[in-house]
Amino acid sequence: MDYNNKKFRPIKNSANGETTEDTVFHYKQNGTILTSEYHGAKILKGHLIGLVGKDGTIEMRYHQVNKKGELMTGICFSKPEITTNGKIRLHESWEWTSGDMSKGKSILEEL
């Protein structure tokens, strides 16, 4: 799975998450290493780094500064699905490693 130069937007997220459909992720991939910068909604600036598996799954870590001025960090595992129109949909399970340490689920779709 090649995520390089693809953009994603959340279409669903748990209530304890900070991303919304206004958040845009711009993925870059070099080999198995995935990075992204993102912003929007409650997030002023965020970055993620991850590893892409042979099956397209992603294990990542993220950090972001929200509009409250808080530095938030977390872990996320994404499983890809190819939609009928050929776009990538990512089913994510994530967990805060800061703040309340809660867990959530989200779905991102390729723009």
PDB file of N, CA and C in Angstrom:
ATOM      1  N   MET A   1       0.857  -1.181   0.000  1.00  0.00           N
ATOM      2  CA  MET A   1       0.000   0.000   0.000  1.00  0.00           C
ATOM      3  C   MET A   1       0.894   1.231   0.000  1.00  0.00           C
ATOM      4  N   ASP A   2       0.603   2.145  -0.898  1.00  0.00           N
ATOM      5  CA  ASP A   2       1.392   3.366  -1.002  1.00  0.00           C
ATOM      6  C   ASP A   2       0.542   4.557  -0.568  1.00  0.00           C
ATOM      7  N   TYR A   3       0.938   5.174   0.535  1.00  0.00           N
ATOM      8  CA  TYR A   3       0.225   6.327   1.073  1.00  0.00           C
ATOM      9  C   TYR A   3       0.872   7.655   0.679  1.00  0.00           C
ATOM     10  N   ASN A   4       1.975   7.615  -0.061  1.00  0.00           N
ATOM     11  CA  ASN A   4       2.730   8.831  -0.337  1.00  0.00           C
ATOM     12  C   ASN A   4       1.898   9.870  -1.073  1.00  0.00           C
ATOM     13  N   ASN A   5       1.910  11.090  -0.556  1.00  0.00           N
ATOM     14  CA  ASN A   5       1.210  12.251  -1.117  1.00  0.00           C
ATOM     15  C   ASN A   5      -0.307  12.125  -1.122  1.00  0.00           C
ATOM     16  N   LYS A   6      -0.851  11.253  -0.306  1.00  0.00           N
ATOM     17  CA  LYS A   6      -2.303  11.135  -0.197  1.00  0.00           C
ATOM     18  C   LYS A   6      -2.791  11.980   0.978  1.00  0.00           C
ATOM     19  N   LYS A   7      -3.987  12.531   0.828  1.00  0.00           N
ATOM     20  CA  LYS A   7      -4.598  13.333   1.890  1.00  0.00           C
ATOM     21  C   LYS A   7      -5.831  12.600   2.405  1.00  0.00           C
ATOM     22  N   PHE A   8      -6.020  12.679   3.722  1.00  0.00           N
ATOM     23  CA  PHE A   8      -7.135  12.003   4.378  1.00  0.00           C
ATOM     24  C   PHE A   8      -7.875  12.979   5.275  1.00  0.00           C
ATOM     25  N   ARG A   9      -9.164  12.686   5.454  1.00  0.00           N
ATOM     26  CA  ARG A   9     -10.016  13.499   6.322  1.00  0.00           C
ATOM     27  C   ARG A   9     -10.884  12.546   7.148  1.00  0.00           C
ATOM     28  N   PRO A  10     -11.019  12.813   8.445  1.00  0.00           N
ATOM     29  CA  PRO A  10     -11.893  11.966   9.267  1.00  0.00           C
ATOM     30  C   PRO A  10     -13.358  12.105   8.844  1.00  0.00           C
ATOM     31  N   ILE A  11     -14.053  10.974   8.804  1.00  0.00           N
ATOM     32  CA  ILE A  11     -15.498  11.009   8.574  1.00  0.00           C
ATOM     33  C   ILE A  11     -16.246  10.564   9.830  1.00  0.00           C
ATOM     34  N   LYS A  12     -15.503  10.005  10.793  1.00  0.00           N
ATOM     35  CA  LYS A  12     -16.108   9.563  12.050  1.00  0.00           C
ATOM     36  C   LYS A  12     -15.015   9.538  13.110  1.00  0.00           C
ATOM     37  N   ASN A  13     -15.375   9.921  14.352  1.00  0.00           N
ATOM     38  CA  ASN A  13     -14.417   9.886  15.451  1.00  0.00           C
ATOM     39  C   ASN A  13     -15.167   9.768  16.767  1.00  0.00           C
ATOM     40  N   SER A  14     -14.523   9.167  17.739  1.00  0.00           N
ATOM     41  CA  SER A  14     -15.082   9.090  19.083  1.00  0.00           C
ATOM     42  C   SER A  14     -15.155  10.492  19.677  1.00  0.00           C
ATOM     43  N   ALA A  15     -16.063  10.687  20.625  1.00  0.00           N
ATOM     44  CA  ALA A  15     -16.290  12.006  21.233  1.00  0.00           C
ATOM     45  C   ALA A  15     -15.059  12.539  21.944  1.00  0.00           C
ATOM     46  N   ASN A  16     -14.169  11.662  22.422  1.00  0.00           N
ATOM     47  CA  ASN A  16     -12.968  12.085  23.144  1.00  0.00           C
ATOM     48  C   ASN A  16     -11.803  12.426  22.221  1.00  0.00           C
ATOM     49  N   GLY A  17     -12.003  12.368  20.913  1.00  0.00           N
ATOM     50  CA  GLY A  17     -10.962  12.718  19.954  1.00  0.00           C
ATOM     51  C   GLY A  17     -10.961  14.204  19.634  1.00  0.00           C
ATOM     52  N   GLU A  18      -9.906  14.670  18.995  1.00  0.00           N
ATOM     53  CA  GLU A  18      -9.797  16.094  18.643  1.00  0.00           C
ATOM     54  C   GLU A  18      -9.894  16.346  17.144  1.00  0.00           C
ATOM     55  N   THR A  19      -9.996  15.307  16.335  1.00  0.00           N
ATOM     56  CA  THR A  19     -10.120  15.510  14.894  1.00  0.00           C
ATOM     57  C   THR A  19     -11.586  15.507  14.481  1.00  0.00           C
ATOM     58  N   THR A  20     -11.875  16.268  13.415  1.00  0.00           N
ATOM     59  CA  THR A  20     -13.205  16.295  12.809  1.00  0.00           C
ATOM     60  C   THR A  20     -12.999  16.297  11.301  1.00  0.00           C
ATOM     61  N   GLU A  21     -14.101  16.423  10.554  1.00  0.00           N
ATOM     62  CA  GLU A  21     -13.996  16.485   9.092  1.00  0.00           C
ATOM     63  C   GLU A  21     -13.230  17.724   8.625  1.00  0.00           C
ATOM     64  N   ASP A  22     -12.947  18.662   9.528  1.00  0.00           N
ATOM     65  CA  ASP A  22     -12.146  19.843   9.191  1.00  0.00           C
ATOM     66  C   ASP A  22     -10.646  19.594   9.318  1.00  0.00           C
ATOM     67  N   THR A  23     -10.264  18.429   9.813  1.00  0.00           N
ATOM     68  CA  THR A  23      -8.847  18.086   9.968  1.00  0.00           C
ATOM     69  C   THR A  23      -8.359  17.398   8.699  1.00  0.00           C
ATOM     70  N   VAL A  24      -7.226  17.839   8.172  1.00  0.00           N
ATOM     71  CA  VAL A  24      -6.653  17.230   6.966  1.00  0.00           C
ATOM     72  C   VAL A  24      -5.273  16.686   7.293  1.00  0.00           C
ATOM     73  N   PHE A  25      -5.056  15.420   6.931  1.00  0.00           N
ATOM     74  CA  PHE A  25      -3.769  14.745   7.099  1.00  0.00           C
ATOM     75  C   PHE A  25      -3.121  14.616   5.728  1.00  0.00           C
ATOM     76  N   HIS A  26      -1.869  15.050   5.597  1.00  0.00           N
ATOM     77  CA  HIS A  26      -1.128  14.899   4.340  1.00  0.00           C
ATOM     78  C   HIS A  26      -0.010  13.885   4.588  1.00  0.00           C
ATOM     79  N   TYR A  27      -0.203  12.674   4.059  1.00  0.00           N
ATOM     80  CA  TYR A  27       0.736  11.581   4.297  1.00  0.00           C
ATOM     81  C   TYR A  27       1.914  11.632   3.326  1.00  0.00           C
ATOM     82  N   LYS A  28       3.072  11.295   3.859  1.00  0.00           N
ATOM     83  CA  LYS A  28       4.293  11.091   3.072  1.00  0.00           C
ATOM     84  C   LYS A  28       4.826   9.714   3.448  1.00  0.00           C
ATOM     85  N   GLN A  29       5.286   8.956   2.469  1.00  0.00           N
ATOM     86  CA  GLN A  29       5.809   7.624   2.748  1.00  0.00           C
ATOM     87  C   GLN A  29       7.118   7.423   2.022  1.00  0.00           C
ATOM     88  N   ASN A  30       8.097   6.873   2.745  1.00  0.00           N
ATOM     89  CA  ASN A  30       9.401   6.514   2.189  1.00  0.00           C
ATOM     90  C   ASN A  30       9.702   5.104   2.674  1.00  0.00           C
ATOM     91  N   GLY A  31       9.556   4.134   1.792  1.00  0.00           N
ATOM     92  CA  GLY A  31       9.695   2.744   2.210  1.00  0.00           C
ATOM     93  C   GLY A  31       8.550   2.395   3.137  1.00  0.00           C
ATOM     94  N   THR A  32       8.877   1.898   4.308  1.00  0.00           N
ATOM     95  CA  THR A  32       7.832   1.549   5.281  1.00  0.00           C
ATOM     96  C   THR A  32       7.559   2.677   6.275  1.00  0.00           C
ATOM     97  N   ILE A  33       8.298   3.781   6.162  1.00  0.00           N
ATOM     98  CA  ILE A  33       8.140   4.892   7.109  1.00  0.00           C
ATOM     99  C   ILE A  33       7.101   5.881   6.594  1.00  0.00           C
ATOM    100  N   LEU A  34       6.114   6.148   7.425  1.00  0.00           N
ATOM    101  CA  LEU A  34       5.034   7.068   7.098  1.00  0.00           C
ATOM    102  C   LEU A  34       5.100   8.276   8.029  1.00  0.00           C
ATOM    103  N   THR A  35       4.931   9.470   7.477  1.00  0.00           N
ATOM    104  CA  THR A  35       4.863  10.684   8.286  1.00  0.00           C
ATOM    105  C   THR A  35       3.681  11.510   7.791  1.00  0.00           C
ATOM    106  N   SER A  36       3.229  12.414   8.640  1.00  0.00           N
ATOM    107  CA  SER A  36       2.154  13.316   8.247  1.00  0.00           C
ATOM    108  C   SER A  36       2.184  14.556   9.111  1.00  0.00           C
ATOM    109  N   GLU A  37       1.825  15.656   8.504  1.00  0.00           N
ATOM    110  CA  GLU A  37       1.505  16.876   9.239  1.00  0.00           C
ATOM    111  C   GLU A  37       0.003  17.034   9.108  1.00  0.00           C
ATOM    112  N   TYR A  38      -0.621  17.594  10.132  1.00  0.00           N
ATOM    113  CA  TYR A  38      -2.062  17.793  10.074  1.00  0.00           C
ATOM    114  C   TYR A  38      -2.471  18.971  10.957  1.00  0.00           C
ATOM    115  N   HIS A  39      -3.652  19.495  10.662  1.00  0.00           N
ATOM    116  CA  HIS A  39      -4.214  20.598  11.433  1.00  0.00           C
ATOM    117  C   HIS A  39      -5.704  20.690  11.111  1.00  0.00           C
ATOM    118  N   GLY A  40      -6.392  21.490  11.867  1.00  0.00           N
ATOM    119  CA  GLY A  40      -7.813  21.723  11.637  1.00  0.00           C
ATOM    120  C   GLY A  40      -8.641  21.320  12.830  1.00  0.00           C
ATOM    121  N   ALA A  41      -9.835  21.866  12.914  1.00  0.00           N
ATOM    122  CA  ALA A  41     -10.763  21.631  14.024  1.00  0.00           C
ATOM    123  C   ALA A  41     -10.118  22.099  15.316  1.00  0.00           C
ATOM    124  N   LYS A  42      -9.952  21.224  16.277  1.00  0.00           N
ATOM    125  CA  LYS A  42      -9.386  21.580  17.583  1.00  0.00           C
ATOM    126  C   LYS A  42      -7.862  21.577  17.589  1.00  0.00           C
ATOM    127  N   ILE A  43      -7.233  21.242  16.459  1.00  0.00           N
ATOM    128  CA  ILE A  43      -5.782  21.043  16.405  1.00  0.00           C
ATOM    129  C   ILE A  43      -5.106  22.187  15.649  1.00  0.00           C
ATOM    130  N   LEU A  44      -4.164  22.858  16.330  1.00  0.00           N
ATOM    131  CA  LEU A  44      -3.383  23.913  15.675  1.00  0.00           C
ATOM    132  C   LEU A  44      -2.296  23.313  14.798  1.00  0.00           C
ATOM    133  N   LYS A  45      -1.612  22.284  15.301  1.00  0.00           N
ATOM    134  CA  LYS A  45      -0.514  21.656  14.559  1.00  0.00           C
ATOM    135  C   LYS A  45      -0.302  20.256  15.099  1.00  0.00           C
ATOM    136  N   GLY A  46      -0.149  19.300  14.205  1.00  0.00           N
ATOM    137  CA  GLY A  46       0.114  17.932  14.622  1.00  0.00           C
ATOM    138  C   GLY A  46       1.059  17.227  13.669  1.00  0.00           C
ATOM    139  N   HIS A  47       1.718  16.202  14.186  1.00  0.00           N
ATOM    140  CA  HIS A  47       2.617  15.356  13.397  1.00  0.00           C
ATOM    141  C   HIS A  47       2.392  13.905  13.798  1.00  0.00           C
ATOM    142  N   LEU A  48       2.607  13.022  12.847  1.00  0.00           N
ATOM    143  CA  LEU A  48       2.609  11.610  13.187  1.00  0.00           C
ATOM    144  C   LEU A  48       3.749  10.936  12.462  1.00  0.00           C
ATOM    145  N   ILE A  49       4.195   9.817  13.028  1.00  0.00           N
ATOM    146  CA  ILE A  49       5.186   8.959  12.397  1.00  0.00           C
ATOM    147  C   ILE A  49       4.744   7.528  12.617  1.00  0.00           C
ATOM    148  N   GLY A  50       4.897   6.717  11.585  1.00  0.00           N
ATOM    149  CA  GLY A  50       4.440   5.344  11.703  1.00  0.00           C
ATOM    150  C   GLY A  50       5.175   4.414  10.774  1.00  0.00           C
ATOM    151  N   LEU A  51       4.842   3.145  10.929  1.00  0.00           N
ATOM    152  CA  LEU A  51       5.386   2.089  10.081  1.00  0.00           C
ATOM    153  C   LEU A  51       4.239   1.408   9.346  1.00  0.00           C
ATOM    154  N   VAL A  52       4.424   1.215   8.033  1.00  0.00           N
ATOM    155  CA  VAL A  52       3.421   0.577   7.197  1.00  0.00           C
ATOM    156  C   VAL A  52       3.788  -0.898   7.049  1.00  0.00           C
ATOM    157  N   GLY A  53       2.837  -1.762   7.379  1.00  0.00           N
ATOM    158  CA  GLY A  53       3.042  -3.197   7.227  1.00  0.00           C
ATOM    159  C   GLY A  53       2.823  -3.645   5.791  1.00  0.00           C
ATOM    160  N   LYS A  54       3.215  -4.884   5.486  1.00  0.00           N
ATOM    161  CA  LYS A  54       3.054  -5.428   4.134  1.00  0.00           C
ATOM    162  C   LYS A  54       1.596  -5.452   3.693  1.00  0.00           C
ATOM    163  N   ASP A  55       0.677  -5.553   4.672  1.00  0.00           N
ATOM    164  CA  ASP A  55      -0.750  -5.580   4.369  1.00  0.00           C
ATOM    165  C   ASP A  55      -1.380  -4.184   4.363  1.00  0.00           C
ATOM    166  N   GLY A  56      -0.557  -3.138   4.498  1.00  0.00           N
ATOM    167  CA  GLY A  56      -1.046  -1.763   4.477  1.00  0.00           C
ATOM    168  C   GLY A  56      -1.466  -1.219   5.828  1.00  0.00           C
ATOM    169  N   THR A  57      -1.426  -2.066   6.864  1.00  0.00           N
ATOM    170  CA  THR A  57      -1.756  -1.566   8.203  1.00  0.00           C
ATOM    171  C   THR A  57      -0.687  -0.575   8.646  1.00  0.00           C
ATOM    172  N   ILE A  58      -1.082   0.331   9.527  1.00  0.00           N
ATOM    173  CA  ILE A  58      -0.157   1.360  10.006  1.00  0.00           C
ATOM    174  C   ILE A  58      -0.140   1.338  11.530  1.00  0.00           C
ATOM    175  N   GLU A  59       1.056   1.316  12.087  1.00  0.00           N
ATOM    176  CA  GLU A  59       1.250   1.529  13.525  1.00  0.00           C
ATOM    177  C   GLU A  59       1.910   2.883  13.653  1.00  0.00           C
ATOM    178  N   MET A  60       1.289   3.788  14.406  1.00  0.00           N
ATOM    179  CA  MET A  60       1.831   5.148  14.448  1.00  0.00           C
ATOM    180  C   MET A  60       1.785   5.745  15.850  1.00  0.00           C
ATOM    181  N   ARG A  61       2.561   6.788  15.994  1.00  0.00           N
ATOM    182  CA  ARG A  61       2.559   7.632  17.190  1.00  0.00           C
ATOM    183  C   ARG A  61       2.293   9.054  16.712  1.00  0.00           C
ATOM    184  N   TYR A  62       1.560   9.810  17.511  1.00  0.00           N
ATOM    185  CA  TYR A  62       1.254  11.186  17.108  1.00  0.00           C
ATOM    186  C   TYR A  62       1.400  12.137  18.281  1.00  0.00           C
ATOM    187  N   HIS A  63       1.658  13.401  17.935  1.00  0.00           N
ATOM    188  CA  HIS A  63       1.652  14.479  18.921  1.00  0.00           C
ATOM    189  C   HIS A  63       1.064  15.715  18.258  1.00  0.00           C
ATOM    190  N   GLN A  64       0.362  16.501  19.065  1.00  0.00           N
ATOM    191  CA  GLN A  64      -0.313  17.672  18.520  1.00  0.00           C
ATOM    192  C   GLN A  64      -0.522  18.712  19.604  1.00  0.00           C
ATOM    193  N   VAL A  65      -0.640  19.970  19.169  1.00  0.00           N
ATOM    194  CA  VAL A  65      -0.984  21.067  20.064  1.00  0.00           C
ATOM    195  C   VAL A  65      -2.405  21.477  19.703  1.00  0.00           C
ATOM    196  N   ASN A  66      -3.277  21.460  20.718  1.00  0.00           N
ATOM    197  CA  ASN A  66      -4.670  21.821  20.462  1.00  0.00           C
ATOM    198  C   ASN A  66      -4.911  23.313  20.721  1.00  0.00           C
ATOM    199  N   LYS A  67      -6.126  23.756  20.445  1.00  0.00           N
ATOM    200  CA  LYS A  67      -6.454  25.179  20.587  1.00  0.00           C
ATOM    201  C   LYS A  67      -6.459  25.648  22.036  1.00  0.00           C
ATOM    202  N   LYS A  68      -6.443  24.715  22.987  1.00  0.00           N
ATOM    203  CA  LYS A  68      -6.311  25.069  24.401  1.00  0.00           C
ATOM    204  C   LYS A  68      -4.851  25.289  24.788  1.00  0.00           C
ATOM    205  N   GLY A  69      -3.933  25.044  23.837  1.00  0.00           N
ATOM    206  CA  GLY A  69      -2.504  25.178  24.106  1.00  0.00           C
ATOM    207  C   GLY A  69      -1.906  23.961  24.775  1.00  0.00           C
ATOM    208  N   GLU A  70      -2.608  22.833  24.743  1.00  0.00           N
ATOM    209  CA  GLU A  70      -2.125  21.598  25.356  1.00  0.00           C
ATOM    210  C   GLU A  70      -1.368  20.751  24.348  1.00  0.00           C
ATOM    211  N   LEU A  71      -0.303  20.124  24.794  1.00  0.00           N
ATOM    212  CA  LEU A  71       0.444  19.155  23.989  1.00  0.00           C
ATOM    213  C   LEU A  71      -0.143  17.788  24.282  1.00  0.00           C
ATOM    214  N   MET A  72      -0.690  17.156  23.255  1.00  0.00           N
ATOM    215  CA  MET A  72      -1.332  15.850  23.396  1.00  0.00           C
ATOM    216  C   MET A  72      -0.553  14.820  22.595  1.00  0.00           C
ATOM    217  N   THR A  73      -0.476  13.584  23.114  1.00  0.00           N
ATOM    218  CA  THR A  73       0.249  12.509  22.443  1.00  0.00           C
ATOM    219  C   THR A  73      -0.602  11.245  22.428  1.00  0.00           C
ATOM    220  N   GLY A  74      -0.299  10.361  21.471  1.00  0.00           N
ATOM    221  CA  GLY A  74      -1.062   9.130  21.404  1.00  0.00           C
ATOM    222  C   GLY A  74      -0.475   8.085  20.477  1.00  0.00           C
ATOM    223  N   ILE A  75      -1.147   6.942  20.475  1.00  0.00           N
ATOM    224  CA  ILE A  75      -0.804   5.766  19.670  1.00  0.00           C
ATOM    225  C   ILE A  75      -2.020   5.450  18.808  1.00  0.00           C
ATOM    226  N   CYS A  76      -1.785   5.022  17.561  1.00  0.00           N
ATOM    227  CA  CYS A  76      -2.887   4.675  16.678  1.00  0.00           C
ATOM    228  C   CYS A  76      -2.509   3.480  15.808  1.00  0.00           C
ATOM    229  N   PHE A  77      -3.477   2.604  15.575  1.00  0.00           N
ATOM    230  CA  PHE A  77      -3.328   1.471  14.662  1.00  0.00           C
ATOM    231  C   PHE A  77      -4.410   1.594  13.605  1.00  0.00           C
ATOM    232  N   SER A  78      -4.006   1.593  12.329  1.00  0.00           N
ATOM    233  CA  SER A  78      -4.940   1.779  11.226  1.00  0.00           C
ATOM    234  C   SER A  78      -4.963   0.554  10.318  1.00  0.00           C
ATOM    235  N   LYS A  79      -6.175   0.192   9.896  1.00  0.00           N
ATOM    236  CA  LYS A  79      -6.356  -0.924   8.962  1.00  0.00           C
ATOM    237  C   LYS A  79      -7.034  -0.377   7.713  1.00  0.00           C
ATOM    238  N   PRO A  80      -6.420  -0.560   6.535  1.00  0.00           N
ATOM    239  CA  PRO A  80      -6.987   0.012   5.309  1.00  0.00           C
ATOM    240  C   PRO A  80      -8.095  -0.843   4.704  1.00  0.00           C
ATOM    241  N   GLU A  81      -8.972  -0.146   4.014  1.00  0.00           N
ATOM    242  CA  GLU A  81     -10.011  -0.770   3.202  1.00  0.00           C
ATOM    243  C   GLU A  81     -10.033   0.013   1.895  1.00  0.00           C
ATOM    244  N   ILE A  82     -10.191  -0.667   0.774  1.00  0.00           N
ATOM    245  CA  ILE A  82     -10.318   0.016  -0.515  1.00  0.00           C
ATOM    246  C   ILE A  82     -11.810   0.110  -0.817  1.00  0.00           C
ATOM    247  N   THR A  83     -12.297   1.344  -1.016  1.00  0.00           N
ATOM    248  CA  THR A  83     -13.718   1.557  -1.277  1.00  0.00           C
ATOM    249  C   THR A  83     -14.044   1.206  -2.735  1.00  0.00           C
ATOM    250  N   THR A  84     -15.327   1.182  -3.054  1.00  0.00           N
ATOM    251  CA  THR A  84     -15.754   0.830  -4.417  1.00  0.00           C
ATOM    252  C   THR A  84     -15.241   1.821  -5.461  1.00  0.00           C
ATOM    253  N   ASN A  85     -14.940   3.057  -5.031  1.00  0.00           N
ATOM    254  CA  ASN A  85     -14.404   4.044  -5.979  1.00  0.00           C
ATOM    255  C   ASN A  85     -12.873   4.053  -6.011  1.00  0.00           C
ATOM    256  N   GLY A  86     -12.240   3.065  -5.339  1.00  0.00           N
ATOM    257  CA  GLY A  86     -10.788   2.924  -5.397  1.00  0.00           C
ATOM    258  C   GLY A  86     -10.025   3.757  -4.382  1.00  0.00           C
ATOM    259  N   LYS A  87     -10.726   4.499  -3.545  1.00  0.00           N
ATOM    260  CA  LYS A  87     -10.068   5.315  -2.517  1.00  0.00           C
ATOM    261  C   LYS A  87      -9.779   4.460  -1.277  1.00  0.00           C
ATOM    262  N   ILE A  88      -8.861   4.958  -0.444  1.00  0.00           N
ATOM    263  CA  ILE A  88      -8.496   4.252   0.790  1.00  0.00           C
ATOM    264  C   ILE A  88      -9.326   4.793   1.946  1.00  0.00           C
ATOM    265  N   ARG A  89      -9.865   3.873   2.727  1.00  0.00           N
ATOM    266  CA  ARG A  89     -10.562   4.212   3.974  1.00  0.00           C
ATOM    267  C   ARG A  89      -9.777   3.548   5.102  1.00  0.00           C
ATOM    268  N   LEU A  90      -9.417   4.320   6.125  1.00  0.00           N
ATOM    269  CA  LEU A  90      -8.633   3.802   7.247  1.00  0.00           C
ATOM    270  C   LEU A  90      -9.511   3.658   8.486  1.00  0.00           C
ATOM    271  N   HIS A  91      -9.551   2.440   9.021  1.00  0.00           N
ATOM    272  CA  HIS A  91     -10.281   2.161  10.259  1.00  0.00           C
ATOM    273  C   HIS A  91      -9.255   2.192  11.391  1.00  0.00           C
ATOM    274  N   GLU A  92      -9.411   3.142  12.310  1.00  0.00           N
ATOM    275  CA  GLU A  92      -8.387   3.401  13.311  1.00  0.00           C
ATOM    276  C   GLU A  92      -8.856   3.108  14.731  1.00  0.00           C
ATOM    277  N   SER A  93      -7.959   2.514  15.493  1.00  0.00           N
ATOM    278  CA  SER A  93      -8.112   2.365  16.942  1.00  0.00           C
ATOM    279  C   SER A  93      -6.981   3.152  17.560  1.00  0.00           C
ATOM    280  N   TRP A  94      -7.310   4.104  18.440  1.00  0.00           N
ATOM    281  CA  TRP A  94      -6.279   4.981  18.988  1.00  0.00           C
ATOM    282  C   TRP A  94      -6.424   5.100  20.494  1.00  0.00           C
ATOM    283  N   GLU A  95      -5.359   5.644  21.088  1.00  0.00           N
ATOM    284  CA  GLU A  95      -5.315   5.788  22.538  1.00  0.00           C
ATOM    285  C   GLU A  95      -4.460   6.996  22.892  1.00  0.00           C
ATOM    286  N   TRP A  96      -4.985   7.846  23.762  1.00  0.00           N
ATOM    287  CA  TRP A  96      -4.190   8.959  24.267  1.00  0.00           C
ATOM    288  C   TRP A  96      -3.112   8.413  25.209  1.00  0.00           C
ATOM    289  N   THR A  97      -1.898   8.944  25.084  1.00  0.00           N
ATOM    290  CA  THR A  97      -0.826   8.636  26.041  1.00  0.00           C
ATOM    291  C   THR A  97      -0.549   9.851  26.912  1.00  0.00           C
ATOM    292  N   SER A  98      -1.457  10.806  26.850  1.00  0.00           N
ATOM    293  CA  SER A  98      -1.432  12.003  27.697  1.00  0.00           C
ATOM    294  C   SER A  98      -2.882  12.309  28.059  1.00  0.00           C
ATOM    295  N   GLY A  99      -3.084  13.327  28.864  1.00  0.00           N
ATOM    296  CA  GLY A  99      -4.451  13.689  29.237  1.00  0.00           C
ATOM    297  C   GLY A  99      -5.132  12.580  30.003  1.00  0.00           C
ATOM    298  N   ASP A 100      -6.344  12.227  29.588  1.00  0.00           N
ATOM    299  CA  ASP A 100      -7.128  11.235  30.338  1.00  0.00           C
ATOM    300  C   ASP A 100      -6.811   9.784  29.961  1.00  0.00           C
ATOM    301  N   MET A 101      -5.886   9.577  29.019  1.00  0.00           N
ATOM    302  CA  MET A 101      -5.430   8.235  28.615  1.00  0.00           C
ATOM    303  C   MET A 101      -6.567   7.373  28.044  1.00  0.00           C
ATOM    304  N   SER A 102      -7.610   7.996  27.545  1.00  0.00           N
ATOM    305  CA  SER A 102      -8.756   7.248  27.024  1.00  0.00           C
ATOM    306  C   SER A 102      -8.466   6.688  25.630  1.00  0.00           C
ATOM    307  N   LYS A 103      -9.358   5.831  25.180  1.00  0.00           N
ATOM    308  CA  LYS A 103      -9.238   5.184  23.870  1.00  0.00           C
ATOM    309  C   LYS A 103     -10.400   5.610  22.982  1.00  0.00           C
ATOM    310  N   GLY A 104     -10.214   5.427  21.667  1.00  0.00           N
ATOM    311  CA  GLY A 104     -11.281   5.755  20.738  1.00  0.00           C
ATOM    312  C   GLY A 104     -11.100   5.065  19.403  1.00  0.00           C
ATOM    313  N   LYS A 105     -12.047   5.314  18.519  1.00  0.00           N
ATOM    314  CA  LYS A 105     -12.016   4.778  17.162  1.00  0.00           C
ATOM    315  C   LYS A 105     -12.368   5.901  16.191  1.00  0.00           C
ATOM    316  N   SER A 106     -11.761   5.844  15.023  1.00  0.00           N
ATOM    317  CA  SER A 106     -12.072   6.831  13.989  1.00  0.00           C
ATOM    318  C   SER A 106     -11.969   6.179  12.625  1.00  0.00           C
ATOM    319  N   ILE A 107     -12.560   6.847  11.640  1.00  0.00           N
ATOM    320  CA  ILE A 107     -12.470   6.409  10.244  1.00  0.00           C
ATOM    321  C   ILE A 107     -12.030   7.615   9.415  1.00  0.00           C
ATOM    322  N   LEU A 108     -10.977   7.415   8.618  1.00  0.00           N
ATOM    323  CA  LEU A 108     -10.482   8.450   7.711  1.00  0.00           C
ATOM    324  C   LEU A 108     -10.706   7.996   6.281  1.00  0.00           C
ATOM    325  N   GLU A 109     -11.001   8.950   5.402  1.00  0.00           N
ATOM    326  CA  GLU A 109     -11.131   8.628   3.982  1.00  0.00           C
ATOM    327  C   GLU A 109     -10.204   9.496   3.156  1.00  0.00           C
ATOM    328  N   GLU A 110      -9.680   8.877   2.110  1.00  0.00           N
ATOM    329  CA  GLU A 110      -8.805   9.584   1.182  1.00  0.00           C
ATOM    330  C   GLU A 110      -9.601  10.641   0.427  1.00  0.00           C
ATOM    331  N   LEU A 111      -9.004  11.829   0.281  1.00  0.00           N
ATOM    332  CA  LEU A 111      -9.658  12.917  -0.465  1.00  0.00           C
ATOM    333  C   LEU A 111      -9.460  12.732  -1.960  1.00  0.00           C
TER     334      LEU A 111
END
